[in-house]
Amino acid sequence: MGSREIGGNERVSAVQVSAIDRPLTRIEVQELRSYSTRALITPTSFVNHYEWGSFKGDEDAWTAKYFDAFLYLASWGTRVVKFALPSRLFDLKTSRLYCPGKSVSAFAVSGRVILTFVSHLLTSSR
């Protein structure tokens, strides 16, 4: 995902998600299209940047249903990374030992463990 200089008070965010274990079906691609007419959607990814709005989907639901990796970046400093791992390979109980605070969390859904990493960087005003 590329980046560009943000000037003034612009608020820009971007989302990139990837399907690694399996490609999306034609129907799933159509479902995702209902969230954005501008996004680049392929059977293995959804990429979009937002200058006048924000991501309309549910990060957890998308990671559970469609994708294996989720990345959200915002010019105001918010960063979110999610990974969906098969619960047969990555135990929820064990993963929670490594999720002590609000910055890292884990939950299980549909036979997958979703790990979420969140960071809120401080950005300076110009």
Protein backbone atom coordinates (compact mmCIF):
# COMPACT_ATOMS: atom_id res chain seq x y z
CA MET A 1 0.00 0.00 0.00
CA GLY A 2 1.56 3.29 -1.06
CA SER A 3 1.64 6.45 0.93
CA ARG A 4 1.61 10.14 0.16
CA GLU A 5 2.33 13.31 2.08
CA ILE A 6 -0.70 14.65 3.92
CA GLY A 7 -0.83 18.42 4.17
CA GLY A 8 -2.99 20.74 6.23
CA ASN A 9 -5.87 19.09 8.06
CA GLU A 10 -6.63 16.39 5.51
CA ARG A 11 -7.95 13.20 7.03
CA VAL A 12 -7.15 10.21 4.86
CA SER A 13 -7.50 6.54 5.67
CA ALA A 14 -6.86 3.32 3.79
CA VAL A 15 -7.94 -0.30 4.05
CA GLN A 16 -6.24 -3.32 2.52
CA VAL A 17 -7.39 -6.87 3.18
CA SER A 18 -6.12 -10.13 1.73
CA ALA A 19 -7.49 -13.63 1.27
CA ILE A 20 -4.63 -16.10 1.56
CA ASP A 21 -6.15 -19.52 2.31
CA ARG A 22 -8.75 -19.36 -0.45
CA PRO A 23 -9.89 -16.91 -3.13
CA LEU A 24 -13.21 -15.14 -2.75
CA THR A 25 -16.15 -16.44 -4.76
CA ARG A 26 -17.86 -14.30 -7.39
CA ILE A 27 -20.79 -13.82 -4.99
CA GLU A 28 -18.46 -12.71 -2.17
CA VAL A 29 -16.78 -10.18 -4.49
CA GLN A 30 -20.25 -8.82 -5.35
CA GLU A 31 -21.12 -8.59 -1.62
CA LEU A 32 -17.95 -6.57 -1.00
CA ARG A 33 -18.70 -4.30 -3.96
CA SER A 34 -21.83 -3.11 -2.12
CA TYR A 35 -19.47 -1.43 0.41
CA SER A 36 -17.53 0.59 -2.15
CA THR A 37 -17.84 1.48 -5.83
CA ARG A 38 -14.23 2.74 -5.93
CA ALA A 39 -12.36 -0.09 -4.20
CA LEU A 40 -10.05 -2.40 -6.12
CA ILE A 41 -11.60 -5.81 -5.43
CA THR A 42 -10.12 -9.08 -6.66
CA PRO A 43 -10.67 -12.68 -5.56
CA THR A 44 -7.77 -12.21 -3.12
CA SER A 45 -8.00 -8.58 -1.98
CA PHE A 46 -9.96 -5.41 -1.23
CA VAL A 47 -8.02 -2.13 -1.37
CA ASN A 48 -9.46 1.33 -0.88
CA HIS A 49 -8.50 4.76 0.40
CA TYR A 50 -10.90 7.25 1.89
CA GLU A 51 -10.62 11.02 1.68
CA TRP A 52 -14.24 12.04 2.33
CA GLY A 53 -15.56 9.13 4.32
CA SER A 54 -14.43 6.02 6.12
CA PHE A 55 -14.52 2.24 5.92
CA LYS A 56 -18.16 1.05 5.96
CA GLY A 57 -17.57 -2.61 6.71
CA ASP A 58 -17.23 -4.45 10.00
CA GLU A 59 -13.53 -5.28 10.44
CA ASP A 60 -14.16 -8.35 12.59
CA ALA A 61 -16.94 -9.72 10.38
CA TRP A 62 -14.86 -9.23 7.22
CA THR A 63 -11.82 -10.91 8.76
CA ALA A 64 -13.96 -13.81 9.97
CA LYS A 65 -15.90 -14.31 6.74
CA TYR A 66 -13.77 -13.16 3.80
CA PHE A 67 -10.14 -12.46 4.59
CA ASP A 68 -7.06 -13.72 6.41
CA ALA A 69 -5.32 -10.37 6.91
CA PHE A 70 -6.72 -6.87 7.47
CA LEU A 71 -4.82 -3.56 7.51
CA TYR A 72 -6.25 -0.12 8.33
CA LEU A 73 -4.12 3.04 8.31
CA ALA A 74 -5.30 6.56 9.09
CA SER A 75 -3.50 9.88 8.72
CA TRP A 76 -4.44 10.76 12.31
CA GLY A 77 -2.35 7.87 13.62
CA THR A 78 -4.69 4.90 14.00
CA ARG A 79 -3.28 1.58 12.80
CA VAL A 80 -5.17 -1.74 12.94
CA VAL A 81 -3.81 -5.10 11.82
CA LYS A 82 -5.83 -8.32 12.05
CA PHE A 83 -4.92 -11.91 11.25
CA ALA A 84 -7.33 -14.84 11.03
CA LEU A 85 -5.70 -18.14 11.90
CA PRO A 86 -7.22 -21.63 11.92
CA SER A 87 -8.13 -22.46 15.52
CA ARG A 88 -6.86 -26.02 15.03
CA LEU A 89 -3.37 -24.51 14.61
CA PHE A 90 -3.62 -21.54 16.97
CA ASP A 91 -5.43 -22.03 20.27
CA LEU A 92 -7.53 -19.12 21.60
CA LYS A 93 -6.69 -19.86 25.23
CA THR A 94 -2.96 -19.78 24.51
CA SER A 95 -3.23 -16.68 22.33
CA ARG A 96 -4.95 -14.77 25.14
CA LEU A 97 -1.84 -15.24 27.29
CA TYR A 98 -0.12 -12.85 24.89
CA CYS A 99 -2.98 -10.31 24.74
CA PRO A 100 -2.67 -8.46 28.07
CA GLY A 101 -4.09 -5.06 27.18
CA LYS A 102 -6.14 -3.08 24.71
CA SER A 103 -3.39 -3.03 22.07
CA VAL A 104 -3.64 -6.75 21.32
CA SER A 105 -6.75 -8.90 21.50
CA ALA A 106 -8.02 -12.28 20.32
CA PHE A 107 -11.38 -13.94 19.83
CA ALA A 108 -12.64 -17.08 18.11
CA VAL A 109 -15.32 -17.32 15.44
CA SER A 110 -16.18 -19.88 12.78
CA GLY A 111 -13.20 -22.11 13.52
CA ARG A 112 -10.72 -19.23 13.39
CA VAL A 113 -8.83 -17.18 15.94
CA ILE A 114 -8.79 -13.48 15.05
CA LEU A 115 -5.80 -11.59 16.41
CA THR A 116 -6.10 -7.79 16.47
CA PHE A 117 -3.23 -5.34 16.95
CA VAL A 118 -4.14 -1.65 17.44
CA SER A 119 -1.91 1.40 17.68
CA HIS A 120 -2.83 5.06 18.04
CA LEU A 121 0.22 7.09 17.10
CA LEU A 122 0.35 10.72 18.07
CA THR A 123 0.49 12.91 14.98
CA SER A 124 1.74 16.45 15.08
CA SER A 125 -0.22 19.27 13.49
CA ARG A 126 1.52 21.42 10.95
